[in-house]
Every structure is written in structure tokens, then in C-alpha cells.
């Protein structure tokens, strides 16, 4: 396991008790470099949506733990954020939450000369995702072929 995965997993294990106590959901943890700075970012959510105050409260409680544990090498910025409306489906609960909803799928390579597909999430498993297009046709995608999958919104 690389440092990135180690940092993300360790952060997840440390933040989960805080989130469980507040009845928040952990959507994702990422350790990424952006514009020359490293960020350790936790995305959280709750029924009805997360607020800036929720993010601030979790960060305030998590910061001393990060200082004490001191497992991330070098300087980084810790952030707690909302995943936003256009968050990707990553975990089992994301798929469960979006069953029967309109989904956007973008593929790495064209399928029938297209790389972007929309349809109702009909089924999924460890290896594939099935959507039903507006015309009633079912499309099955291998997860390894999906560059992005998220709930679609008609703005």
C-alpha cells in the first residue's frame, strides 16, 4: 500500500468515530496535490445536506487528533467538505441511494461512438452497472470502463 492510501485509510479510521457521534456519513477521504500544496480532505454528508458549520465542527474536533497522531509526512492542509451535488458514485451506499434515479456515465473509450450516457440506474454489482435509457433500452457497462458515474441533474 502506498502512502496516499495509507494516509486516506488512517484518516478514515480516525474520523469515523467523530462522524458516527454526529450522525454524519463519510463519503470519501482523499490525499491530493493541488497547485503545489498537499490536501488531506474528508467529504461528509447527512440527510438533508451538510452545512459549513457541520464541516467546521468536524475539522475542529479532528485537528488535534491529526496533530497528536502525526502520521502524514510533510506539510498539508486538512479540509472537511460537502461532497456536492455532482459527487461520483464510489461506495455501495452511493449506488443504493441512487437506485431508480437518473445517472450520468462517462466512459474511458467510446461505446457506439459515444462516451457519455444517461439513464435510470437499474442494477449494479462488483463488476458492472446497468442503466435504462429513455427509450427503454438497457445498457450494461463494466466498472473498469467507467471514467465517471454520478447522479445526473437537469439544471
N, C-alpha and C. Protein backbone atom coordinates (compact mmCIF):
# COMPACT_ATOMS: atom_id res chain seq x y z
N UNK A 1 0.85 -1.18 0.00
CA UNK A 1 0.00 0.00 0.00
C UNK A 1 0.89 1.24 0.00
N UNK A 2 0.55 2.21 -0.85
CA UNK A 2 1.31 3.45 -0.94
C UNK A 2 0.94 4.41 0.18
N UNK A 3 1.74 5.46 0.30
CA UNK A 3 1.49 6.47 1.35
C UNK A 3 0.13 7.11 1.20
N UNK A 4 -0.27 7.40 -0.03
CA UNK A 4 -1.57 8.02 -0.29
C UNK A 4 -2.69 7.18 0.32
N UNK A 5 -2.72 5.89 0.02
CA UNK A 5 -3.77 5.00 0.54
C UNK A 5 -3.66 4.86 2.06
N UNK A 6 -2.43 4.81 2.55
CA UNK A 6 -2.21 4.69 3.99
C UNK A 6 -2.77 5.92 4.72
N UNK A 7 -2.47 7.10 4.21
CA UNK A 7 -2.97 8.34 4.82
C UNK A 7 -4.49 8.39 4.78
N UNK A 8 -5.06 8.02 3.64
CA UNK A 8 -6.51 8.06 3.50
C UNK A 8 -7.19 7.07 4.44
N UNK A 9 -6.67 5.85 4.53
CA UNK A 9 -7.27 4.84 5.41
C UNK A 9 -7.13 5.22 6.88
N UNK A 10 -5.97 5.72 7.25
CA UNK A 10 -5.75 6.11 8.65
C UNK A 10 -6.68 7.27 9.02
N UNK A 11 -6.82 8.22 8.11
CA UNK A 11 -7.71 9.36 8.36
C UNK A 11 -9.15 8.87 8.51
N UNK A 12 -9.56 7.96 7.63
CA UNK A 12 -10.90 7.40 7.70
C UNK A 12 -11.15 6.75 9.06
N UNK A 13 -10.21 5.96 9.54
CA UNK A 13 -10.41 5.28 10.82
C UNK A 13 -10.47 6.27 11.98
N UNK A 14 -9.74 7.37 11.89
CA UNK A 14 -9.74 8.37 12.97
C UNK A 14 -10.97 9.27 12.94
N UNK A 15 -11.49 9.55 11.75
CA UNK A 15 -12.61 10.49 11.65
C UNK A 15 -13.97 9.80 11.86
N UNK A 16 -14.04 8.49 11.59
CA UNK A 16 -15.33 7.80 11.69
C UNK A 16 -16.00 7.93 13.06
N UNK A 17 -15.29 7.79 14.18
CA UNK A 17 -15.98 7.97 15.48
C UNK A 17 -16.61 9.36 15.64
N UNK A 18 -15.93 10.38 15.13
CA UNK A 18 -16.47 11.74 15.20
C UNK A 18 -17.75 11.83 14.36
N UNK A 19 -17.71 11.28 13.17
CA UNK A 19 -18.87 11.34 12.28
C UNK A 19 -20.03 10.51 12.82
N UNK A 20 -19.74 9.32 13.34
CA UNK A 20 -20.79 8.47 13.91
C UNK A 20 -21.49 9.16 15.07
N UNK A 21 -20.71 9.84 15.91
CA UNK A 21 -21.27 10.56 17.06
C UNK A 21 -22.23 11.66 16.61
N UNK A 22 -21.93 12.27 15.48
CA UNK A 22 -22.75 13.37 14.96
C UNK A 22 -23.78 12.91 13.93
N UNK A 23 -23.83 11.61 13.68
CA UNK A 23 -24.75 11.02 12.70
C UNK A 23 -24.49 11.57 11.30
N UNK A 24 -23.21 11.72 10.97
CA UNK A 24 -22.79 12.13 9.63
C UNK A 24 -22.27 10.90 8.91
N UNK A 25 -22.26 10.98 7.59
CA UNK A 25 -21.76 9.90 6.75
C UNK A 25 -20.43 10.32 6.15
N UNK A 26 -19.47 9.41 6.13
CA UNK A 26 -18.22 9.66 5.44
C UNK A 26 -18.40 9.25 3.98
N UNK A 27 -18.26 10.20 3.08
CA UNK A 27 -18.42 9.93 1.66
C UNK A 27 -17.09 9.50 1.06
N UNK A 28 -16.02 10.20 1.42
CA UNK A 28 -14.71 9.88 0.86
C UNK A 28 -13.63 10.62 1.63
N UNK A 29 -12.40 10.10 1.53
CA UNK A 29 -11.21 10.78 2.03
C UNK A 29 -10.21 10.76 0.89
N UNK A 30 -9.56 11.89 0.64
CA UNK A 30 -8.54 11.92 -0.40
C UNK A 30 -7.32 12.70 0.06
N UNK A 31 -6.17 12.26 -0.41
CA UNK A 31 -4.91 12.95 -0.17
C UNK A 31 -4.38 13.30 -1.56
N UNK A 32 -4.44 14.59 -1.91
CA UNK A 32 -4.11 15.02 -3.26
C UNK A 32 -3.23 16.27 -3.25
N UNK A 33 -2.47 16.42 -4.33
CA UNK A 33 -1.66 17.62 -4.51
C UNK A 33 -2.37 18.53 -5.50
N UNK A 34 -2.60 19.76 -5.09
CA UNK A 34 -3.26 20.76 -5.93
C UNK A 34 -2.48 22.06 -5.85
N UNK A 35 -2.04 22.55 -6.99
CA UNK A 35 -1.34 23.84 -7.03
C UNK A 35 -0.13 23.91 -6.13
N UNK A 36 0.62 22.84 -6.00
CA UNK A 36 1.84 22.84 -5.21
C UNK A 36 1.64 22.52 -3.73
N UNK A 37 0.40 22.40 -3.28
CA UNK A 37 0.13 22.07 -1.87
C UNK A 37 -0.56 20.72 -1.77
N UNK A 38 -0.26 20.01 -0.68
CA UNK A 38 -0.94 18.74 -0.41
C UNK A 38 -2.17 19.00 0.44
N UNK A 39 -3.27 18.30 0.10
CA UNK A 39 -4.52 18.41 0.83
C UNK A 39 -4.95 17.03 1.31
N UNK A 40 -5.33 16.97 2.57
CA UNK A 40 -5.98 15.79 3.14
C UNK A 40 -7.42 16.23 3.35
N UNK A 41 -8.32 15.65 2.57
CA UNK A 41 -9.69 16.16 2.52
C UNK A 41 -10.68 15.05 2.85
N UNK A 42 -11.59 15.35 3.75
CA UNK A 42 -12.68 14.42 4.10
C UNK A 42 -13.99 15.02 3.60
N UNK A 43 -14.74 14.21 2.86
CA UNK A 43 -16.06 14.63 2.37
C UNK A 43 -17.10 13.96 3.24
N UNK A 44 -18.00 14.77 3.81
CA UNK A 44 -19.02 14.24 4.71
C UNK A 44 -20.41 14.67 4.25
N UNK A 45 -21.41 13.94 4.73
CA UNK A 45 -22.78 14.26 4.35
C UNK A 45 -23.71 13.82 5.47
N UNK A 46 -24.95 14.24 5.36
CA UNK A 46 -26.01 13.80 6.27
C UNK A 46 -27.33 13.99 5.55
N UNK A 47 -28.35 13.36 6.06
CA UNK A 47 -29.69 13.51 5.50
C UNK A 47 -30.06 14.99 5.51
N UNK A 48 -30.47 15.52 4.38
CA UNK A 48 -30.83 16.93 4.29
C UNK A 48 -29.66 17.83 3.92
N UNK A 49 -28.45 17.27 3.86
CA UNK A 49 -27.28 18.03 3.43
C UNK A 49 -26.42 18.52 4.59
N UNK A 50 -25.18 18.68 4.30
CA UNK A 50 -24.19 19.11 5.29
C UNK A 50 -24.05 20.63 5.23
N UNK A 51 -23.73 21.26 6.33
CA UNK A 51 -23.55 22.71 6.37
C UNK A 51 -22.09 23.06 6.62
N UNK A 52 -21.75 24.31 6.41
CA UNK A 52 -20.40 24.80 6.70
C UNK A 52 -20.11 24.62 8.19
N UNK A 53 -21.10 24.86 9.05
CA UNK A 53 -20.92 24.69 10.49
C UNK A 53 -20.63 23.23 10.83
N UNK A 54 -21.28 22.28 10.14
CA UNK A 54 -21.00 20.86 10.36
C UNK A 54 -19.55 20.55 10.01
N UNK A 55 -19.10 21.04 8.87
CA UNK A 55 -17.73 20.80 8.42
C UNK A 55 -16.73 21.40 9.41
N UNK A 56 -17.02 22.60 9.85
CA UNK A 56 -16.14 23.28 10.80
C UNK A 56 -16.06 22.52 12.13
N UNK A 57 -17.18 22.02 12.61
CA UNK A 57 -17.20 21.28 13.88
C UNK A 57 -16.37 20.00 13.78
N UNK A 58 -16.50 19.28 12.67
CA UNK A 58 -15.72 18.05 12.48
C UNK A 58 -14.23 18.38 12.38
N UNK A 59 -13.89 19.41 11.62
CA UNK A 59 -12.48 19.80 11.48
C UNK A 59 -11.90 20.22 12.82
N UNK A 60 -12.66 20.96 13.60
CA UNK A 60 -12.19 21.41 14.92
C UNK A 60 -11.90 20.22 15.83
N UNK A 61 -12.71 19.20 15.74
CA UNK A 61 -12.51 18.01 16.57
C UNK A 61 -11.39 17.11 16.02
N UNK A 62 -11.22 17.10 14.72
CA UNK A 62 -10.24 16.22 14.08
C UNK A 62 -8.82 16.80 14.12
N UNK A 63 -8.67 18.11 14.06
CA UNK A 63 -7.33 18.72 14.02
C UNK A 63 -6.41 18.30 15.15
N UNK A 64 -6.86 18.31 16.42
CA UNK A 64 -5.95 17.87 17.49
C UNK A 64 -5.55 16.39 17.35
N UNK A 65 -6.45 15.58 16.82
CA UNK A 65 -6.14 14.17 16.61
C UNK A 65 -5.05 14.02 15.56
N UNK A 66 -5.17 14.77 14.48
CA UNK A 66 -4.15 14.74 13.43
C UNK A 66 -2.80 15.23 13.97
N UNK A 67 -2.82 16.26 14.80
CA UNK A 67 -1.58 16.77 15.40
C UNK A 67 -0.95 15.72 16.31
N UNK A 68 -1.77 15.05 17.09
CA UNK A 68 -1.26 14.04 18.03
C UNK A 68 -0.74 12.80 17.29
N UNK A 69 -1.49 12.32 16.33
CA UNK A 69 -1.11 11.10 15.60
C UNK A 69 0.07 11.33 14.66
N UNK A 70 0.13 12.51 14.02
CA UNK A 70 1.25 12.96 13.19
C UNK A 70 1.77 11.88 12.23
N UNK A 71 0.87 11.30 11.43
CA UNK A 71 1.25 10.20 10.53
C UNK A 71 1.46 10.64 9.08
N UNK A 72 1.13 11.88 8.76
CA UNK A 72 1.32 12.39 7.39
C UNK A 72 2.66 13.11 7.33
N UNK A 73 3.53 12.65 6.41
CA UNK A 73 4.84 13.28 6.25
C UNK A 73 4.69 14.61 5.53
N UNK A 74 5.43 15.60 5.99
CA UNK A 74 5.44 16.89 5.31
C UNK A 74 4.22 17.74 5.64
N UNK A 75 4.19 18.90 5.02
CA UNK A 75 3.10 19.85 5.26
C UNK A 75 1.89 19.50 4.39
N UNK A 76 0.72 19.73 4.95
CA UNK A 76 -0.52 19.51 4.21
C UNK A 76 -1.61 20.38 4.83
N UNK A 77 -2.69 20.53 4.10
CA UNK A 77 -3.85 21.28 4.57
C UNK A 77 -4.98 20.28 4.76
N UNK A 78 -5.59 20.28 5.96
CA UNK A 78 -6.72 19.39 6.23
C UNK A 78 -8.01 20.16 6.00
N UNK A 79 -8.91 19.57 5.21
CA UNK A 79 -10.21 20.19 4.93
C UNK A 79 -11.32 19.17 5.14
N UNK A 80 -12.44 19.66 5.61
CA UNK A 80 -13.67 18.86 5.69
C UNK A 80 -14.67 19.58 4.80
N UNK A 81 -15.29 18.82 3.89
CA UNK A 81 -16.12 19.45 2.86
C UNK A 81 -17.37 18.63 2.58
N UNK A 82 -18.34 19.30 2.00
CA UNK A 82 -19.52 18.63 1.46
C UNK A 82 -19.12 17.99 0.13
N UNK A 83 -19.68 16.84 -0.19
CA UNK A 83 -19.34 16.22 -1.47
C UNK A 83 -19.97 16.92 -2.66
N UNK A 84 -20.93 17.77 -2.42
CA UNK A 84 -21.58 18.49 -3.52
C UNK A 84 -22.61 17.63 -4.23
N UNK A 85 -23.41 18.27 -5.05
CA UNK A 85 -24.47 17.58 -5.77
C UNK A 85 -23.95 16.62 -6.82
N UNK A 86 -22.84 16.96 -7.43
CA UNK A 86 -22.34 16.18 -8.56
C UNK A 86 -21.26 15.17 -8.14
N UNK A 87 -21.38 14.65 -6.93
CA UNK A 87 -20.35 13.72 -6.46
C UNK A 87 -20.46 12.38 -7.19
N UNK A 88 -19.32 11.75 -7.40
CA UNK A 88 -19.34 10.45 -8.07
C UNK A 88 -19.85 9.34 -7.15
N UNK A 89 -20.37 8.29 -7.75
CA UNK A 89 -20.78 7.10 -7.01
C UNK A 89 -19.53 6.26 -6.81
N UNK A 90 -19.17 6.02 -5.57
CA UNK A 90 -17.96 5.27 -5.28
C UNK A 90 -18.24 4.05 -4.42
N UNK A 91 -19.09 4.21 -3.44
CA UNK A 91 -19.30 3.15 -2.46
C UNK A 91 -20.67 2.51 -2.66
N UNK A 92 -20.83 1.37 -2.06
CA UNK A 92 -22.09 0.61 -2.12
C UNK A 92 -23.28 1.51 -1.78
N UNK A 93 -23.16 2.28 -0.71
CA UNK A 93 -24.29 3.11 -0.28
C UNK A 93 -24.64 4.18 -1.31
N UNK A 94 -23.64 4.62 -2.12
CA UNK A 94 -23.92 5.59 -3.18
C UNK A 94 -24.82 4.98 -4.24
N UNK A 95 -24.54 3.72 -4.59
CA UNK A 95 -25.37 3.03 -5.58
C UNK A 95 -26.77 2.78 -5.03
N UNK A 96 -26.85 2.35 -3.78
CA UNK A 96 -28.14 2.09 -3.15
C UNK A 96 -28.98 3.38 -3.15
N UNK A 97 -28.36 4.49 -2.75
CA UNK A 97 -29.06 5.78 -2.66
C UNK A 97 -29.58 6.24 -4.03
N UNK A 98 -28.89 5.83 -5.09
CA UNK A 98 -29.24 6.32 -6.42
C UNK A 98 -30.01 5.34 -7.29
N UNK A 99 -30.38 4.19 -6.73
CA UNK A 99 -31.20 3.24 -7.50
C UNK A 99 -32.49 3.93 -7.94
N UNK A 100 -32.84 3.78 -9.22
CA UNK A 100 -34.06 4.38 -9.74
C UNK A 100 -33.92 5.85 -10.11
N UNK A 101 -32.73 6.40 -9.96
CA UNK A 101 -32.51 7.81 -10.29
C UNK A 101 -31.75 7.94 -11.61
N UNK A 102 -31.83 9.13 -12.19
CA UNK A 102 -31.12 9.43 -13.42
C UNK A 102 -29.63 9.53 -13.14
N UNK A 103 -28.84 8.77 -13.92
CA UNK A 103 -27.40 8.66 -13.73
C UNK A 103 -26.68 9.11 -15.00
N UNK A 104 -25.53 9.73 -14.82
CA UNK A 104 -24.64 10.07 -15.92
C UNK A 104 -23.44 9.14 -15.85
N UNK A 105 -23.10 8.53 -16.97
CA UNK A 105 -21.91 7.67 -17.05
C UNK A 105 -21.03 8.21 -18.17
N UNK A 106 -19.74 8.37 -17.86
CA UNK A 106 -18.76 8.72 -18.88
C UNK A 106 -17.75 7.58 -18.94
N UNK A 107 -17.46 7.14 -20.15
CA UNK A 107 -16.56 6.01 -20.34
C UNK A 107 -15.18 6.49 -20.79
N UNK A 108 -14.19 5.65 -20.54
CA UNK A 108 -12.83 5.97 -20.98
C UNK A 108 -12.72 5.96 -22.50
N UNK A 109 -13.37 4.97 -23.12
CA UNK A 109 -13.32 4.81 -24.57
C UNK A 109 -14.74 4.89 -25.14
N UNK A 110 -14.88 5.33 -26.36
CA UNK A 110 -16.22 5.40 -26.95
C UNK A 110 -16.91 4.04 -27.02
N UNK A 111 -18.20 4.06 -26.77
CA UNK A 111 -19.06 2.90 -26.94
C UNK A 111 -20.11 3.34 -27.95
N UNK A 112 -20.15 2.67 -29.09
CA UNK A 112 -21.04 3.09 -30.19
C UNK A 112 -20.84 4.57 -30.50
N UNK A 113 -19.59 5.01 -30.56
CA UNK A 113 -19.19 6.37 -30.93
C UNK A 113 -19.57 7.42 -29.89
N UNK A 114 -19.90 7.01 -28.67
CA UNK A 114 -20.26 7.95 -27.60
C UNK A 114 -19.46 7.62 -26.35
N UNK A 115 -19.23 8.65 -25.54
CA UNK A 115 -18.54 8.45 -24.27
C UNK A 115 -19.39 8.92 -23.09
N UNK A 116 -20.55 9.46 -23.35
CA UNK A 116 -21.41 10.00 -22.29
C UNK A 116 -22.81 9.41 -22.44
N UNK A 117 -23.33 8.85 -21.33
CA UNK A 117 -24.61 8.16 -21.35
C UNK A 117 -25.45 8.59 -20.15
N UNK A 118 -26.76 8.64 -20.35
CA UNK A 118 -27.69 8.98 -19.28
C UNK A 118 -28.78 7.91 -19.24
N UNK A 119 -29.19 7.56 -18.04
CA UNK A 119 -30.27 6.60 -17.88
C UNK A 119 -30.56 6.39 -16.41
N UNK A 120 -31.62 5.65 -16.16
CA UNK A 120 -32.03 5.33 -14.79
C UNK A 120 -31.20 4.15 -14.29
N UNK A 121 -30.61 4.30 -13.11
CA UNK A 121 -29.81 3.23 -12.53
C UNK A 121 -30.73 2.05 -12.21
N UNK A 122 -30.51 0.96 -12.91
CA UNK A 122 -31.37 -0.22 -12.79
C UNK A 122 -30.73 -1.30 -11.93
N UNK A 123 -29.42 -1.52 -12.09
CA UNK A 123 -28.74 -2.58 -11.35
C UNK A 123 -27.24 -2.29 -11.30
N UNK A 124 -26.56 -2.93 -10.36
CA UNK A 124 -25.12 -2.83 -10.25
C UNK A 124 -24.63 -4.04 -9.46
N UNK A 125 -23.38 -4.37 -9.66
CA UNK A 125 -22.71 -5.35 -8.81
C UNK A 125 -21.23 -4.97 -8.79
N UNK A 126 -20.38 -5.87 -8.34
CA UNK A 126 -18.95 -5.55 -8.22
C UNK A 126 -18.30 -5.24 -9.56
N UNK A 127 -18.86 -5.76 -10.64
CA UNK A 127 -18.20 -5.65 -11.94
C UNK A 127 -18.93 -4.79 -12.96
N UNK A 128 -20.23 -4.54 -12.76
CA UNK A 128 -20.98 -3.84 -13.80
C UNK A 128 -22.06 -2.92 -13.25
N UNK A 129 -22.53 -2.04 -14.15
CA UNK A 129 -23.61 -1.10 -13.84
C UNK A 129 -24.58 -1.15 -15.02
N UNK A 130 -25.87 -1.22 -14.72
CA UNK A 130 -26.90 -1.24 -15.75
C UNK A 130 -27.79 -0.02 -15.61
N UNK A 131 -27.98 0.69 -16.74
CA UNK A 131 -28.92 1.81 -16.76
C UNK A 131 -29.96 1.54 -17.83
N UNK A 132 -31.14 2.15 -17.64
CA UNK A 132 -32.20 2.08 -18.63
C UNK A 132 -32.32 3.45 -19.27
N UNK A 133 -32.11 3.49 -20.60
CA UNK A 133 -32.20 4.75 -21.33
C UNK A 133 -33.66 5.18 -21.45
N UNK A 134 -33.85 6.42 -21.88
CA UNK A 134 -35.19 6.99 -22.04
C UNK A 134 -36.07 6.16 -22.98
N UNK A 135 -35.46 5.52 -23.98
CA UNK A 135 -36.22 4.71 -24.94
C UNK A 135 -36.50 3.29 -24.43
N UNK A 136 -36.09 3.00 -23.17
CA UNK A 136 -36.35 1.69 -22.58
C UNK A 136 -35.24 0.68 -22.75
N UNK A 137 -34.24 1.00 -23.55
CA UNK A 137 -33.11 0.09 -23.77
C UNK A 137 -32.20 0.06 -22.55
N UNK A 138 -31.79 -1.15 -22.13
CA UNK A 138 -30.84 -1.30 -21.04
C UNK A 138 -29.42 -1.31 -21.59
N UNK A 139 -28.54 -0.59 -20.93
CA UNK A 139 -27.12 -0.59 -21.27
C UNK A 139 -26.35 -1.10 -20.06
N UNK A 140 -25.41 -2.01 -20.32
CA UNK A 140 -24.57 -2.56 -19.25
C UNK A 140 -23.14 -2.10 -19.49
N UNK A 141 -22.52 -1.55 -18.44
CA UNK A 141 -21.14 -1.07 -18.51
C UNK A 141 -20.30 -1.83 -17.50
N UNK A 142 -19.11 -2.27 -17.92
CA UNK A 142 -18.15 -2.82 -16.97
C UNK A 142 -17.59 -1.68 -16.14
N UNK A 143 -17.47 -1.86 -14.83
CA UNK A 143 -16.97 -0.78 -13.98
C UNK A 143 -15.57 -0.33 -14.40
N UNK A 144 -14.77 -1.24 -14.92
CA UNK A 144 -13.41 -0.88 -15.35
C UNK A 144 -13.44 0.07 -16.55
N UNK A 145 -14.56 0.16 -17.27
CA UNK A 145 -14.69 1.03 -18.43
C UNK A 145 -15.27 2.40 -18.09
N UNK A 146 -15.69 2.58 -16.84
CA UNK A 146 -16.36 3.82 -16.43
C UNK A 146 -15.35 4.81 -15.85
N UNK A 147 -15.23 5.95 -16.50
CA UNK A 147 -14.36 7.02 -16.01
C UNK A 147 -15.05 7.82 -14.91
N UNK A 148 -16.38 7.99 -15.04
CA UNK A 148 -17.15 8.77 -14.07
C UNK A 148 -18.58 8.26 -14.06
N UNK A 149 -19.12 8.11 -12.87
CA UNK A 149 -20.54 7.79 -12.71
C UNK A 149 -21.06 8.63 -11.57
N UNK A 150 -22.15 9.34 -11.83
CA UNK A 150 -22.73 10.21 -10.81
C UNK A 150 -24.20 10.45 -11.12
N UNK A 151 -24.91 10.94 -10.11
CA UNK A 151 -26.31 11.31 -10.33
C UNK A 151 -26.34 12.47 -11.30
N UNK A 152 -27.26 12.41 -12.26
CA UNK A 152 -27.41 13.49 -13.25
C UNK A 152 -28.46 14.46 -12.76
N UNK A 153 -28.22 15.71 -13.00
CA UNK A 153 -29.18 16.76 -12.66
C UNK A 153 -29.49 17.55 -13.91
N UNK A 154 -30.72 17.91 -14.07
CA UNK A 154 -31.16 18.71 -15.21
C UNK A 154 -31.28 20.15 -14.72
N UNK A 155 -30.23 20.93 -14.92
CA UNK A 155 -30.22 22.31 -14.42
C UNK A 155 -30.91 23.25 -15.36
